């Protein structure tokens, strides 16, 4: 267990050192500060408007649920149509075959006339 703690501690120290070194670059530092301000502003808004955020999350969950229901209905419709097609295709092929035979017989009987 102690090796694991030392490994985690080493990883944390490495991450902090890496972050500190990357902040030596002016552009990285500027982006970090800008993004930090944006995140801070968003967090402040969330803390000040928890009900609005909760309602928004509920609405998004409901939208996803509705979309999943719609896709499920569409897939069921397609499955039904495919099954109908599987049942109908052999019948249509038989009708086409019979029609071809009738037309062929009719054409053959008219050749002699």
C-alpha atoms as a PDB file:
ATOM      1  CA  UNK A   1       0.000   0.000   0.000  1.00  0.00           C
ATOM      2  CA  UNK A   2       2.872   2.361   0.792  1.00  0.00           C
ATOM      3  CA  UNK A   3       4.383   1.878  -2.689  1.00  0.00           C
ATOM      4  CA  UNK A   4       1.058   2.903  -4.159  1.00  0.00           C
ATOM      5  CA  UNK A   5       0.975   6.088  -2.057  1.00  0.00           C
ATOM      6  CA  UNK A   6       4.538   6.950  -3.102  1.00  0.00           C
ATOM      7  CA  UNK A   7       3.636   6.354  -6.740  1.00  0.00           C
ATOM      8  CA  UNK A   8       0.548   8.557  -6.474  1.00  0.00           C
ATOM      9  CA  UNK A   9       2.566  11.209  -4.658  1.00  0.00           C
ATOM     10  CA  UNK A  10       5.251  11.071  -7.358  1.00  0.00           C
ATOM     11  CA  UNK A  11       2.641  11.395 -10.102  1.00  0.00           C
ATOM     12  CA  UNK A  12       1.078  14.398  -8.381  1.00  0.00           C
ATOM     13  CA  UNK A  13       4.443  16.099  -7.912  1.00  0.00           C
ATOM     14  CA  UNK A  14       5.321  15.389 -11.551  1.00  0.00           C
ATOM     15  CA  UNK A  15       2.027  16.845 -12.731  1.00  0.00           C
ATOM     16  CA  UNK A  16       2.502  19.966 -10.620  1.00  0.00           C
ATOM     17  CA  UNK A  17       6.067  20.437 -11.844  1.00  0.00           C
ATOM     18  CA  UNK A  18       4.934  19.946 -15.448  1.00  0.00           C
ATOM     19  CA  UNK A  19       2.124  22.463 -14.987  1.00  0.00           C
ATOM     20  CA  UNK A  20       4.492  24.979 -13.394  1.00  0.00           C
ATOM     21  CA  UNK A  21       7.013  24.624 -16.231  1.00  0.00           C
ATOM     22  CA  UNK A  22       4.300  24.994 -18.877  1.00  0.00           C
ATOM     23  CA  UNK A  23       3.205  28.248 -17.224  1.00  0.00           C
ATOM     24  CA  UNK A  24       6.614  29.739 -18.006  1.00  0.00           C
ATOM     25  CA  UNK A  25       5.363  30.133 -21.592  1.00  0.00           C
ATOM     26  CA  UNK A  26       3.475  33.456 -21.860  1.00  0.00           C
ATOM     27  CA  UNK A  27       0.823  32.165 -24.290  1.00  0.00           C
ATOM     28  CA  UNK A  28       0.114  29.117 -22.121  1.00  0.00           C
ATOM     29  CA  UNK A  29      -0.066  31.310 -19.036  1.00  0.00           C
ATOM     30  CA  UNK A  30      -2.464  33.723 -20.784  1.00  0.00           C
ATOM     31  CA  UNK A  31      -4.687  30.870 -21.950  1.00  0.00           C
ATOM     32  CA  UNK A  32      -4.621  29.335 -18.470  1.00  0.00           C
ATOM     33  CA  UNK A  33      -5.697  32.605 -16.852  1.00  0.00           C
ATOM     34  CA  UNK A  34      -8.392  33.220 -19.486  1.00  0.00           C
ATOM     35  CA  UNK A  35      -9.798  29.689 -19.171  1.00  0.00           C
ATOM     36  CA  UNK A  36      -9.613  29.894 -15.381  1.00  0.00           C
ATOM     37  CA  UNK A  37     -11.673  33.092 -15.413  1.00  0.00           C
ATOM     38  CA  UNK A  38     -14.250  31.482 -17.711  1.00  0.00           C
ATOM     39  CA  UNK A  39     -14.543  28.402 -15.502  1.00  0.00           C
ATOM     40  CA  UNK A  40     -14.740  30.579 -12.414  1.00  0.00           C
ATOM     41  CA  UNK A  41     -17.508  32.644 -13.960  1.00  0.00           C
ATOM     42  CA  UNK A  42     -19.446  29.525 -14.889  1.00  0.00           C
ATOM     43  CA  UNK A  43     -18.995  28.037 -11.418  1.00  0.00           C
ATOM     44  CA  UNK A  44     -20.207  31.291  -9.851  1.00  0.00           C
ATOM     45  CA  UNK A  45     -23.293  31.209 -12.091  1.00  0.00           C
ATOM     46  CA  UNK A  46     -23.998  27.582 -11.155  1.00  0.00           C
ATOM     47  CA  UNK A  47     -23.726  28.362  -7.451  1.00  0.00           C
ATOM     48  CA  UNK A  48     -26.008  31.391  -7.805  1.00  0.00           C
ATOM     49  CA  UNK A  49     -28.614  29.626  -9.999  1.00  0.00           C
ATOM     50  CA  UNK A  50     -28.783  25.979  -8.895  1.00  0.00           C
ATOM     51  CA  UNK A  51     -32.479  25.537  -9.765  1.00  0.00           C
ATOM     52  CA  UNK A  52     -31.960  26.835 -13.300  1.00  0.00           C
ATOM     53  CA  UNK A  53     -29.077  24.421 -13.808  1.00  0.00           C
ATOM     54  CA  UNK A  54     -31.121  21.518 -12.388  1.00  0.00           C
ATOM     55  CA  UNK A  55     -34.040  22.396 -14.686  1.00  0.00           C
ATOM     56  CA  UNK A  56     -31.711  22.604 -17.667  1.00  0.00           C
ATOM     57  CA  UNK A  57     -30.225  19.188 -16.879  1.00  0.00           C
ATOM     58  CA  UNK A  58     -33.733  17.694 -16.486  1.00  0.00           C
ATOM     59  CA  UNK A  59     -34.761  19.214 -19.813  1.00  0.00           C
ATOM     60  CA  UNK A  60     -31.698  17.792 -21.568  1.00  0.00           C
ATOM     61  CA  UNK A  61     -32.333  14.362 -20.038  1.00  0.00           C
ATOM     62  CA  UNK A  62     -35.946  14.531 -21.235  1.00  0.00           C
ATOM     63  CA  UNK A  63     -34.778  15.524 -24.727  1.00  0.00           C
ATOM     64  CA  UNK A  64     -32.404  12.570 -24.861  1.00  0.00           C
ATOM     65  CA  UNK A  65     -35.154  10.248 -23.600  1.00  0.00           C
ATOM     66  CA  UNK A  66     -37.541  11.539 -26.278  1.00  0.00           C
ATOM     67  CA  UNK A  67     -34.894  11.078 -28.975  1.00  0.00           C
ATOM     68  CA  UNK A  68     -34.210   7.511 -27.811  1.00  0.00           C
ATOM     69  CA  UNK A  69     -37.956   6.770 -27.813  1.00  0.00           C
ATOM     70  CA  UNK A  70     -38.277   8.191 -31.340  1.00  0.00           C
ATOM     71  CA  UNK A  71     -35.345   6.116 -32.603  1.00  0.00           C
ATOM     72  CA  UNK A  72     -36.811   3.021 -30.938  1.00  0.00           C
ATOM     73  CA  UNK A  73     -40.157   3.619 -32.670  1.00  0.00           C
ATOM     74  CA  UNK A  74     -38.407   4.176 -36.005  1.00  0.00           C
ATOM     75  CA  UNK A  75     -36.420   0.964 -35.621  1.00  0.00           C
ATOM     76  CA  UNK A  76     -39.578  -0.984 -34.749  1.00  0.00           C
ATOM     77  CA  UNK A  77     -41.306   0.448 -37.833  1.00  0.00           C
ATOM     78  CA  UNK A  78     -38.356  -0.556 -40.031  1.00  0.00           C
ATOM     79  CA  UNK A  79     -38.274  -4.038 -38.500  1.00  0.00           C
ATOM     80  CA  UNK A  80     -41.979  -4.448 -39.254  1.00  0.00           C
ATOM     81  CA  UNK A  81     -41.513  -3.284 -42.848  1.00  0.00           C
ATOM     82  CA  UNK A  82     -38.549  -5.628 -43.377  1.00  0.00           C
ATOM     83  CA  UNK A  83     -40.595  -8.549 -42.068  1.00  0.00           C
ATOM     84  CA  UNK A  84     -43.490  -7.595 -44.357  1.00  0.00           C
ATOM     85  CA  UNK A  85     -41.084  -7.419 -47.268  1.00  0.00           C
ATOM     86  CA  UNK A  86     -39.705 -10.861 -46.405  1.00  0.00           C
ATOM     87  CA  UNK A  87     -43.239 -12.252 -46.453  1.00  0.00           C
ATOM     88  CA  UNK A  88     -44.323 -10.387 -49.587  1.00  0.00           C
ATOM     89  CA  UNK A  89     -41.262 -10.924 -51.792  1.00  0.00           C
ATOM     90  CA  UNK A  90     -41.799 -14.667 -52.437  1.00  0.00           C
ATOM     91  CA  UNK A  91     -45.440 -13.970 -53.323  1.00  0.00           C
ATOM     92  CA  UNK A  92     -44.467 -11.180 -55.733  1.00  0.00           C
ATOM     93  CA  UNK A  93     -41.819 -13.400 -57.324  1.00  0.00           C
ATOM     94  CA  UNK A  94     -44.406 -16.133 -57.832  1.00  0.00           C
ATOM     95  CA  UNK A  95     -46.825 -13.642 -59.446  1.00  0.00           C
ATOM     96  CA  UNK A  96     -44.053 -12.355 -61.734  1.00  0.00           C
ATOM     97  CA  UNK A  97     -43.143 -15.925 -62.693  1.00  0.00           C
ATOM     98  CA  UNK A  98     -46.779 -16.811 -63.414  1.00  0.00           C
ATOM     99  CA  UNK A  99     -47.252 -13.602 -65.416  1.00  0.00           C
ATOM    100  CA  UNK A 100     -44.129 -14.323 -67.436  1.00  0.00           C
ATOM    101  CA  UNK A 101     -45.391 -17.808 -68.228  1.00  0.00           C
ATOM    102  CA  UNK A 102     -48.796 -16.504 -69.304  1.00  0.00           C
ATOM    103  CA  UNK A 103     -47.214 -13.821 -71.493  1.00  0.00           C
ATOM    104  CA  UNK A 104     -44.780 -16.346 -72.996  1.00  0.00           C
ATOM    105  CA  UNK A 105     -47.623 -18.766 -73.790  1.00  0.00           C
ATOM    106  CA  UNK A 106     -49.664 -15.954 -75.279  1.00  0.00           C
ATOM    107  CA  UNK A 107     -46.751 -14.788 -77.427  1.00  0.00           C
ATOM    108  CA  UNK A 108     -45.962 -18.357 -78.526  1.00  0.00           C
ATOM    109  CA  UNK A 109     -49.596 -18.967 -79.488  1.00  0.00           C
ATOM    110  CA  UNK A 110     -49.700 -15.723 -81.506  1.00  0.00           C
ATOM    111  CA  UNK A 111     -46.529 -16.540 -83.469  1.00  0.00           C
ATOM    112  CA  UNK A 112     -48.320 -19.062 -85.562  1.00  0.00           C
ATOM    113  CA  UNK A 113     -51.072 -16.694 -86.573  1.00  0.00           C
END
